[in-house]
């Protein structure tokens, strides 16, 4: 196998197995680009990104520019003389000067079957929409938003109980396998990119915190998907007696009533269609609990009406 001189560009945990895979395949990673350290935790100390921490463990040089749009940033990137750049959930826009610098261009590992779910949150949007499958696409990057020609793709099923966390890990694993295959094909000159279809384009807009507030007027099936899609962030929640209650897991119950009404002593909550029964809940500052244990310490009797839940929160 031909070893490629590679720059890796990624930030979150999703990207770590991808970087690890082509390191293990023998490619020479000359530099890792990742977003700058950010404050986190109670002490608000700066924490390096998961990719940054992994690269440091492997003694790979790390670059954390706030932008790549300056002439100096472009010159620094070009000076690396990379054969190829691999991008996986980096989080910064790559200008044309950066896209054109590597000899073989910039290759993106995207967590959807393009052209469906271009953009920032493809994993969560696929679950929210009720999709039964998604996947990973390896694409040659251009200046558009996930619009470049495709090199490889592989589908992954979304089950009725699939969570964003589980799908994230599965797609990261698939991406790590596909990028090794793609780099081998690129190095050998045997892999040809094909244009994305003109039909079926959708956009996975960035998640907003207010989307986690549950609106009981919506069908229970939509709310159950929301619970699976938006945990761990931004989380899903409702208010009761002025307190925010977070739901970590829930199921659909074939019951009916005025939306927001608690229907039984196991916390089935009426929705616009059917009802939602939380299976695991959490009060602010407390640990998550199974529903029975939660209700023993925080009774929510049948007949009580919860707030409508359609504010911004």
Protein backbone atom coordinates (compact mmCIF):
# COMPACT_ATOMS: atom_id res chain seq x y z
CA UNK A 1 0.00 0.00 0.00
CA UNK A 2 1.20 3.49 -0.86
CA UNK A 3 1.57 5.72 2.19
CA UNK A 4 0.10 9.20 1.74
CA UNK A 5 1.41 12.37 3.37
CA UNK A 6 -1.77 13.43 5.14
CA UNK A 7 -3.22 16.33 7.09
CA UNK A 8 -6.15 15.39 9.34
CA UNK A 9 -8.82 17.96 10.22
CA UNK A 10 -11.39 17.03 12.88
CA UNK A 11 -12.59 17.96 16.35
CA UNK A 12 -15.12 15.75 18.23
CA UNK A 13 -15.05 12.15 19.41
CA UNK A 14 -16.67 11.05 16.14
CA UNK A 15 -13.42 11.83 14.31
CA UNK A 16 -11.00 9.98 16.61
CA UNK A 17 -11.56 6.41 15.30
CA UNK A 18 -11.26 7.77 11.76
CA UNK A 19 -7.87 9.32 12.48
CA UNK A 20 -6.77 6.18 14.32
CA UNK A 21 -7.77 3.92 11.43
CA UNK A 22 -5.64 5.49 8.75
CA UNK A 23 -2.73 5.92 11.16
CA UNK A 24 -2.92 2.17 11.75
CA UNK A 25 -3.07 1.67 7.98
CA UNK A 26 0.37 3.26 7.69
CA UNK A 27 -0.40 6.73 6.37
CA UNK A 28 1.91 9.56 7.44
CA UNK A 29 -0.07 12.22 9.34
CA UNK A 30 2.13 15.30 9.30
CA UNK A 31 -0.26 17.58 11.18
CA UNK A 32 -3.68 17.55 12.83
CA UNK A 33 -5.95 20.57 12.59
CA UNK A 34 -8.64 20.86 15.25
CA UNK A 35 -10.67 23.59 16.89
CA UNK A 36 -9.03 25.53 19.74
CA UNK A 37 -9.38 24.33 23.36
CA UNK A 38 -12.61 25.49 25.01
CA UNK A 39 -13.64 26.06 28.60
CA UNK A 40 -15.51 23.14 30.14
CA UNK A 41 -16.51 21.75 33.52
CA UNK A 42 -17.16 23.52 36.80
CA UNK A 43 -13.74 25.11 36.84
CA UNK A 44 -14.16 26.46 33.29
CA UNK A 45 -10.71 25.20 32.43
CA UNK A 46 -9.69 25.02 28.81
CA UNK A 47 -10.01 21.48 27.49
CA UNK A 48 -8.49 20.25 24.24
CA UNK A 49 -10.82 18.60 21.75
CA UNK A 50 -10.94 14.77 21.66
CA UNK A 51 -8.95 14.83 18.41
CA UNK A 52 -6.38 17.19 19.94
CA UNK A 53 -5.93 14.91 22.95
CA UNK A 54 -5.56 11.82 20.74
CA UNK A 55 -3.02 13.52 18.46
CA UNK A 56 -0.99 14.62 21.46
CA UNK A 57 -0.89 11.03 22.72
CA UNK A 58 0.47 9.94 19.32
CA UNK A 59 2.98 12.84 19.26
CA UNK A 60 1.46 14.34 16.10
CA UNK A 61 1.85 18.12 15.64
CA UNK A 62 -1.42 19.97 16.29
CA UNK A 63 -2.63 23.26 14.83
CA UNK A 64 -5.65 25.08 16.31
CA UNK A 65 -6.39 28.17 14.17
CA UNK A 66 -9.59 30.10 14.84
CA UNK A 67 -9.98 30.60 11.10
CA UNK A 68 -8.40 29.34 7.89
CA UNK A 69 -9.42 32.37 5.83
CA UNK A 70 -6.29 34.47 6.38
CA UNK A 71 -3.41 34.46 3.93
CA UNK A 72 -1.05 33.32 6.69
CA UNK A 73 -3.26 30.34 7.54
CA UNK A 74 -3.38 29.36 3.88
CA UNK A 75 0.38 29.66 3.51
CA UNK A 76 0.98 27.54 6.64
CA UNK A 77 -1.33 24.85 5.34
CA UNK A 78 0.24 24.82 1.88
CA UNK A 79 3.73 24.56 3.41
CA UNK A 80 2.80 21.14 4.82
CA UNK A 81 3.00 19.80 1.24
CA UNK A 82 0.33 17.20 1.91
CA UNK A 83 -0.77 14.61 -0.62
CA UNK A 84 -4.29 14.71 0.83
CA UNK A 85 -6.29 16.24 3.67
CA UNK A 86 -8.91 14.13 5.46
CA UNK A 87 -11.73 16.09 7.10
CA UNK A 88 -14.17 14.65 9.67
CA UNK A 89 -16.46 16.98 11.65
CA UNK A 90 -13.82 19.71 11.78
CA UNK A 91 -16.20 22.63 12.30
CA UNK A 92 -14.43 25.33 10.28
CA UNK A 93 -15.03 26.34 6.67
CA UNK A 94 -12.19 25.46 4.29
CA UNK A 95 -11.52 28.28 1.81
CA UNK A 96 -10.47 27.55 -1.76
CA UNK A 97 -6.78 28.13 -0.99
CA UNK A 98 -6.88 25.30 1.56
CA UNK A 99 -9.05 23.01 -0.59
CA UNK A 100 -6.60 23.32 -3.48
CA UNK A 101 -3.38 22.91 -1.47
CA UNK A 102 -3.08 19.10 -1.13
CA UNK A 103 -1.99 17.30 -4.28
CA UNK A 104 -5.05 15.01 -4.19
CA UNK A 105 -7.44 17.50 -2.60
CA UNK A 106 -9.47 17.38 0.60
CA UNK A 107 -11.57 14.30 1.41
CA UNK A 108 -14.54 14.54 3.78
CA UNK A 109 -16.04 11.78 5.94
CA UNK A 110 -19.71 12.76 6.22
CA UNK A 111 -22.25 10.97 8.45
CA UNK A 112 -25.12 10.61 5.99
CA UNK A 113 -25.97 9.21 2.58
CA UNK A 114 -25.50 12.35 0.53
CA UNK A 115 -27.22 14.37 -0.75
CA UNK A 116 -29.58 13.72 2.17
CA UNK A 117 -28.63 15.58 5.33
CA UNK A 118 -25.91 17.91 4.19
CA UNK A 119 -24.79 20.13 7.06
CA UNK A 120 -24.00 20.19 10.74
CA UNK A 121 -26.24 17.61 12.46
CA UNK A 122 -26.92 14.71 10.07
CA UNK A 123 -27.09 12.00 12.75
CA UNK A 124 -29.72 13.72 14.86
CA UNK A 125 -31.77 15.01 11.91
CA UNK A 126 -32.01 11.52 10.43
CA UNK A 127 -33.52 10.16 13.65
CA UNK A 128 -35.82 13.17 14.10
CA UNK A 129 -37.17 12.70 10.58
CA UNK A 130 -37.95 9.04 11.19
CA UNK A 131 -35.47 7.81 8.56
CA UNK A 132 -35.00 4.04 8.51
CA UNK A 133 -31.44 4.27 7.21
CA UNK A 134 -28.54 6.65 6.95
CA UNK A 135 -24.86 6.00 6.37
CA UNK A 136 -21.44 7.44 5.65
CA UNK A 137 -20.29 9.14 2.47
CA UNK A 138 -16.65 9.79 1.56
CA UNK A 139 -16.60 12.82 -0.73
CA UNK A 140 -14.16 15.10 -2.51
CA UNK A 141 -14.66 18.54 -1.00
CA UNK A 142 -15.51 21.69 -2.93
CA UNK A 143 -16.55 25.15 -1.77
CA UNK A 144 -20.19 24.16 -1.27
CA UNK A 145 -21.81 22.76 1.88
CA UNK A 146 -21.24 19.01 1.48
CA UNK A 147 -21.86 19.29 -2.26
CA UNK A 148 -18.71 17.65 -3.65
CA UNK A 149 -18.55 14.46 -5.72
CA UNK A 150 -18.77 11.14 -3.88
CA UNK A 151 -16.06 8.50 -3.69
CA UNK A 152 -17.61 5.81 -1.47
CA UNK A 153 -20.72 5.32 0.64
CA UNK A 154 -22.20 2.67 2.92
CA UNK A 155 -25.72 2.47 4.36
CA UNK A 156 -26.49 1.89 8.04
CA UNK A 157 -29.95 0.95 9.36
CA UNK A 158 -31.78 3.09 11.92
CA UNK A 159 -33.95 0.90 14.15
CA UNK A 160 -37.02 1.85 16.13
CA UNK A 161 -34.93 2.19 19.30
CA UNK A 162 -31.70 3.55 17.79
CA UNK A 163 -30.31 6.48 19.78
CA UNK A 164 -28.13 9.28 18.49
CA UNK A 165 -25.31 8.04 20.71
CA UNK A 166 -25.44 4.49 19.31
CA UNK A 167 -25.78 5.73 15.73
CA UNK A 168 -22.88 8.15 16.25
CA UNK A 169 -20.59 5.30 17.32
CA UNK A 170 -21.72 3.03 14.51
CA UNK A 171 -21.21 5.68 11.83
CA UNK A 172 -17.80 6.59 13.25
CA UNK A 173 -16.78 2.93 12.95
CA UNK A 174 -18.08 2.72 9.38
CA UNK A 175 -16.33 5.98 8.53
CA UNK A 176 -13.03 4.62 9.86
CA UNK A 177 -13.36 1.58 7.60
CA UNK A 178 -14.38 3.55 4.50
CA UNK A 179 -11.61 6.15 4.79
CA UNK A 180 -8.93 3.43 4.76
CA UNK A 181 -10.53 1.94 1.64
CA UNK A 182 -10.86 5.39 0.05
CA UNK A 183 -7.25 6.39 0.70
CA UNK A 184 -6.04 3.10 -0.77
CA UNK A 185 -8.11 3.75 -3.90
CA UNK A 186 -6.94 7.35 -4.15
CA UNK A 187 -3.29 6.35 -3.76
CA UNK A 188 -3.65 3.67 -6.43
CA UNK A 189 -5.61 5.93 -8.77
CA UNK A 190 -8.45 3.37 -8.97
CA UNK A 191 -11.19 5.38 -7.24
CA UNK A 192 -13.31 7.74 -9.33
CA UNK A 193 -15.60 10.37 -7.83
CA UNK A 194 -19.18 10.64 -9.06
CA UNK A 195 -21.46 13.70 -8.80
CA UNK A 196 -24.12 13.76 -6.13
CA UNK A 197 -27.71 13.24 -7.33
CA UNK A 198 -29.58 16.47 -8.01
CA UNK A 199 -32.69 15.17 -6.23
CA UNK A 200 -33.14 14.23 -2.58
CA UNK A 201 -31.17 17.14 -1.11
CA UNK A 202 -31.96 17.95 2.54
CA UNK A 203 -30.11 20.05 5.11
CA UNK A 204 -29.22 19.02 8.65
CA UNK A 205 -29.33 22.39 10.35
CA UNK A 206 -27.36 22.93 13.55
CA UNK A 207 -29.15 21.81 16.72
CA UNK A 208 -30.61 24.52 18.91
CA UNK A 209 -31.09 24.23 22.67
CA UNK A 210 -34.81 25.08 22.52
CA UNK A 211 -35.50 22.01 20.34
CA UNK A 212 -35.20 19.82 23.43
CA UNK A 213 -38.34 21.23 25.04
CA UNK A 214 -41.14 18.69 24.56
CA UNK A 215 -44.40 19.99 23.08
CA UNK A 216 -47.22 17.67 24.19
CA UNK A 217 -49.43 18.78 21.29
CA UNK A 218 -47.14 16.86 18.92
CA UNK A 219 -47.59 13.12 18.27
CA UNK A 220 -45.92 10.80 20.76
CA UNK A 221 -43.97 9.15 17.92
CA UNK A 222 -42.28 12.48 17.14
CA UNK A 223 -41.48 13.13 20.79
CA UNK A 224 -40.03 9.64 21.26
CA UNK A 225 -37.75 10.24 18.27
CA UNK A 226 -36.79 13.59 19.76
CA UNK A 227 -35.75 11.88 23.01
CA UNK A 228 -33.57 9.43 21.08
CA UNK A 229 -32.11 12.10 18.80
CA UNK A 230 -31.31 14.91 21.22
CA UNK A 231 -29.59 13.02 24.02
CA UNK A 232 -27.00 13.77 25.25
CA UNK A 233 -27.22 17.30 23.79
CA UNK A 234 -29.23 19.44 24.10
CA UNK A 235 -31.32 16.89 25.98
CA UNK A 236 -35.13 16.66 26.09
CA UNK A 237 -37.18 18.09 28.93
CA UNK A 238 -40.47 19.43 30.27
CA UNK A 239 -41.43 21.60 33.22
CA UNK A 240 -43.37 20.59 36.33
CA UNK A 241 -44.02 22.92 39.26
CA UNK A 242 -41.40 25.30 37.90
CA UNK A 243 -38.72 22.61 37.73
CA UNK A 244 -37.12 21.32 34.56
CA UNK A 245 -37.37 17.52 34.27
CA UNK A 246 -35.13 15.82 31.72
CA UNK A 247 -36.16 12.65 29.87
CA UNK A 248 -33.37 10.28 28.85
CA UNK A 249 -35.50 7.42 27.51
CA UNK A 250 -39.19 7.01 26.66
CA UNK A 251 -41.71 4.78 24.91
CA UNK A 252 -44.96 5.30 22.99
CA UNK A 253 -48.19 4.22 24.72
CA UNK A 254 -51.52 3.78 22.82
CA UNK A 255 -53.50 6.05 25.14
CA UNK A 256 -55.31 9.34 24.57
CA UNK A 257 -56.24 12.44 26.52
CA UNK A 258 -55.81 16.19 26.57
CA UNK A 259 -52.19 16.88 25.58
CA UNK A 260 -49.94 17.23 28.62
CA UNK A 261 -52.26 15.27 30.95
CA UNK A 262 -50.72 12.55 33.14
CA UNK A 263 -52.89 9.49 32.38
CA UNK A 264 -51.76 6.88 34.92
CA UNK A 265 -49.52 6.16 37.90
CA UNK A 266 -46.65 5.14 35.58
CA UNK A 267 -46.44 8.63 34.05
CA UNK A 268 -47.99 8.10 30.62
CA UNK A 269 -48.38 11.66 29.29
CA UNK A 270 -51.02 12.39 26.66
CA UNK A 271 -49.76 13.85 23.39
CA UNK A 272 -51.37 15.09 20.19
CA UNK A 273 -51.57 11.44 19.15
CA UNK A 274 -51.05 8.57 21.61
CA UNK A 275 -49.04 9.11 24.81
CA UNK A 276 -45.39 9.20 25.85
CA UNK A 277 -44.18 7.27 28.89
CA UNK A 278 -40.79 8.41 30.21
CA UNK A 279 -38.66 5.44 31.23
CA UNK A 280 -35.68 7.33 32.65
CA UNK A 281 -35.84 10.85 34.09
CA UNK A 282 -33.63 13.36 35.86
CA UNK A 283 -34.26 16.39 38.05
CA UNK A 284 -31.85 19.31 37.91
CA UNK A 285 -28.71 18.56 39.91
CA UNK A 286 -29.72 14.93 40.48
CA UNK A 287 -28.77 11.62 38.90
CA UNK A 288 -30.97 9.97 36.25
CA UNK A 289 -33.44 7.41 37.62
CA UNK A 290 -35.76 4.76 36.23
CA UNK A 291 -39.35 5.99 36.22
CA UNK A 292 -40.54 3.98 39.25
CA UNK A 293 -37.67 5.19 41.44
CA UNK A 294 -38.13 8.73 40.17
CA UNK A 295 -41.84 8.78 41.10
CA UNK A 296 -41.17 7.43 44.58
CA UNK A 297 -39.13 10.52 45.34
CA UNK A 298 -41.09 12.97 43.18
CA UNK A 299 -44.79 12.04 42.87
CA UNK A 300 -46.63 13.16 39.73
CA UNK A 301 -50.23 11.93 40.16
CA UNK A 302 -52.63 11.06 37.32
CA UNK A 303 -54.90 13.88 36.17
CA UNK A 304 -52.30 16.60 36.55
CA UNK A 305 -51.77 18.76 33.47
CA UNK A 306 -48.26 19.67 32.46
CA UNK A 307 -47.37 22.88 30.67
CA UNK A 308 -47.91 23.00 26.90
CA UNK A 309 -44.16 22.96 26.31
CA UNK A 310 -44.13 25.06 23.17
CA UNK A 311 -41.96 27.90 24.40
CA UNK A 312 -38.30 28.48 23.66
CA UNK A 313 -37.02 27.38 27.07
